[in-house]
Amino acid sequence: MITKGGLNAVMRSLAIEYAKEHIRFNAVAPGVVDTPLHAEDSNDSLKTLSPMGSISRLRTLPTPSFI
């Protein structure tokens, strides 16, 4: 598993390395996702996992199929 910060660092490094060849890199790093891992967690505890303190703009947790 890699953190969002680690993923951003890898993407930035790859983008710089391959920029001369006009190759671009993108990544998707979702926040909290509604999976069995979080089935017993309350919304208040899930908010602590979000850097901005909110679950999402959608007001519900996204599911894996949404991503």
C-alpha atoms as a PDB file:
ATOM      1  CA  MET A   1       0.000   0.000   0.000  1.00  0.00           C
ATOM      2  CA  ILE A   2       1.200   3.494  -0.772  1.00  0.00           C
ATOM      3  CA  THR A   3       0.020   6.738   0.792  1.00  0.00           C
ATOM      4  CA  LYS A   4      -1.417   9.611  -1.216  1.00  0.00           C
ATOM      5  CA  GLY A   5       1.734  11.632  -0.557  1.00  0.00           C
ATOM      6  CA  GLY A   6       3.917   8.765  -1.741  1.00  0.00           C
ATOM      7  CA  LEU A   7       1.784   8.310  -4.839  1.00  0.00           C
ATOM      8  CA  ASN A   8       2.015  12.026  -5.620  1.00  0.00           C
ATOM      9  CA  ALA A   9       5.806  11.922  -5.212  1.00  0.00           C
ATOM     10  CA  VAL A  10       6.135   8.921  -7.548  1.00  0.00           C
ATOM     11  CA  MET A  11       3.866  10.528 -10.173  1.00  0.00           C
ATOM     12  CA  ARG A  12       5.800  13.815 -10.005  1.00  0.00           C
ATOM     13  CA  SER A  13       9.114  11.993 -10.328  1.00  0.00           C
ATOM     14  CA  LEU A  14       7.908   9.966 -13.320  1.00  0.00           C
ATOM     15  CA  ALA A  15       6.428  13.064 -14.969  1.00  0.00           C
ATOM     16  CA  ILE A  16       9.726  14.949 -14.642  1.00  0.00           C
ATOM     17  CA  GLU A  17      11.742  11.982 -15.876  1.00  0.00           C
ATOM     18  CA  TYR A  18       9.621  11.374 -18.967  1.00  0.00           C
ATOM     19  CA  ALA A  19       8.622  14.971 -19.810  1.00  0.00           C
ATOM     20  CA  LYS A  20      11.278  15.142 -22.532  1.00  0.00           C
ATOM     21  CA  GLU A  21       9.524  12.250 -24.288  1.00  0.00           C
ATOM     22  CA  HIS A  22       6.103  13.956 -23.973  1.00  0.00           C
ATOM     23  CA  ILE A  23       4.754  11.185 -21.733  1.00  0.00           C
ATOM     24  CA  ARG A  24       2.264  12.225 -19.061  1.00  0.00           C
ATOM     25  CA  PHE A  25       1.366  10.457 -15.820  1.00  0.00           C
ATOM     26  CA  ASN A  26      -1.897  10.570 -13.885  1.00  0.00           C
ATOM     27  CA  ALA A  27      -3.119   8.895 -10.714  1.00  0.00           C
ATOM     28  CA  VAL A  28      -6.405   8.498  -8.886  1.00  0.00           C
ATOM     29  CA  ALA A  29      -6.140   8.690  -5.100  1.00  0.00           C
ATOM     30  CA  PRO A  30      -9.634   8.518  -3.582  1.00  0.00           C
ATOM     31  CA  GLY A  31     -10.295   9.212   0.078  1.00  0.00           C
ATOM     32  CA  VAL A  32     -12.412   6.980   2.275  1.00  0.00           C
ATOM     33  CA  VAL A  33     -14.333   4.361   0.281  1.00  0.00           C
ATOM     34  CA  ASP A  34     -17.318   2.348   1.533  1.00  0.00           C
ATOM     35  CA  THR A  35     -15.844  -1.137   1.842  1.00  0.00           C
ATOM     36  CA  PRO A  36     -16.263  -3.928   4.409  1.00  0.00           C
ATOM     37  CA  LEU A  37     -13.168  -2.505   6.123  1.00  0.00           C
ATOM     38  CA  HIS A  38     -15.242   0.495   7.269  1.00  0.00           C
ATOM     39  CA  ALA A  39     -18.559  -1.317   7.860  1.00  0.00           C
ATOM     40  CA  GLU A  40     -18.505  -0.836  11.630  1.00  0.00           C
ATOM     41  CA  ASP A  41     -17.044   2.702  11.634  1.00  0.00           C
ATOM     42  CA  SER A  42     -19.261   5.692  12.365  1.00  0.00           C
ATOM     43  CA  ASN A  43     -19.305   8.738  10.109  1.00  0.00           C
ATOM     44  CA  ASP A  44     -17.573  10.740  12.852  1.00  0.00           C
ATOM     45  CA  SER A  45     -14.639   8.338  12.942  1.00  0.00           C
ATOM     46  CA  LEU A  46     -14.449   8.291   9.140  1.00  0.00           C
ATOM     47  CA  LYS A  47     -14.273  12.099   9.083  1.00  0.00           C
ATOM     48  CA  THR A  48     -10.966  11.893  10.954  1.00  0.00           C
ATOM     49  CA  LEU A  49      -9.522  10.020   7.957  1.00  0.00           C
ATOM     50  CA  SER A  50     -10.276  12.936   5.646  1.00  0.00           C
ATOM     51  CA  PRO A  51      -7.747  15.791   5.637  1.00  0.00           C
ATOM     52  CA  MET A  52     -10.459  18.410   5.280  1.00  0.00           C
ATOM     53  CA  GLY A  53     -12.692  16.846   7.968  1.00  0.00           C
ATOM     54  CA  SER A  54     -15.576  16.030   5.659  1.00  0.00           C
ATOM     55  CA  ILE A  55     -16.517  12.745   4.086  1.00  0.00           C
ATOM     56  CA  SER A  56     -17.028  14.036   0.554  1.00  0.00           C
ATOM     57  CA  ARG A  57     -18.876  16.608  -1.467  1.00  0.00           C
ATOM     58  CA  LEU A  58     -21.316  13.841  -2.372  1.00  0.00           C
ATOM     59  CA  ARG A  59     -22.397  13.569   1.299  1.00  0.00           C
ATOM     60  CA  THR A  60     -22.065   9.774   1.077  1.00  0.00           C
ATOM     61  CA  LEU A  61     -19.118   7.436   0.903  1.00  0.00           C
ATOM     62  CA  PRO A  62     -18.279   6.293  -2.609  1.00  0.00           C
ATOM     63  CA  THR A  63     -18.290   2.571  -3.309  1.00  0.00           C
ATOM     64  CA  PRO A  64     -15.491   0.738  -5.166  1.00  0.00           C
ATOM     65  CA  SER A  65     -17.697   0.513  -8.275  1.00  0.00           C
ATOM     66  CA  PHE A  66     -18.055   4.317  -8.270  1.00  0.00           C
ATOM     67  CA  ILE A  67     -14.314   4.756  -8.487  1.00  0.00           C
END
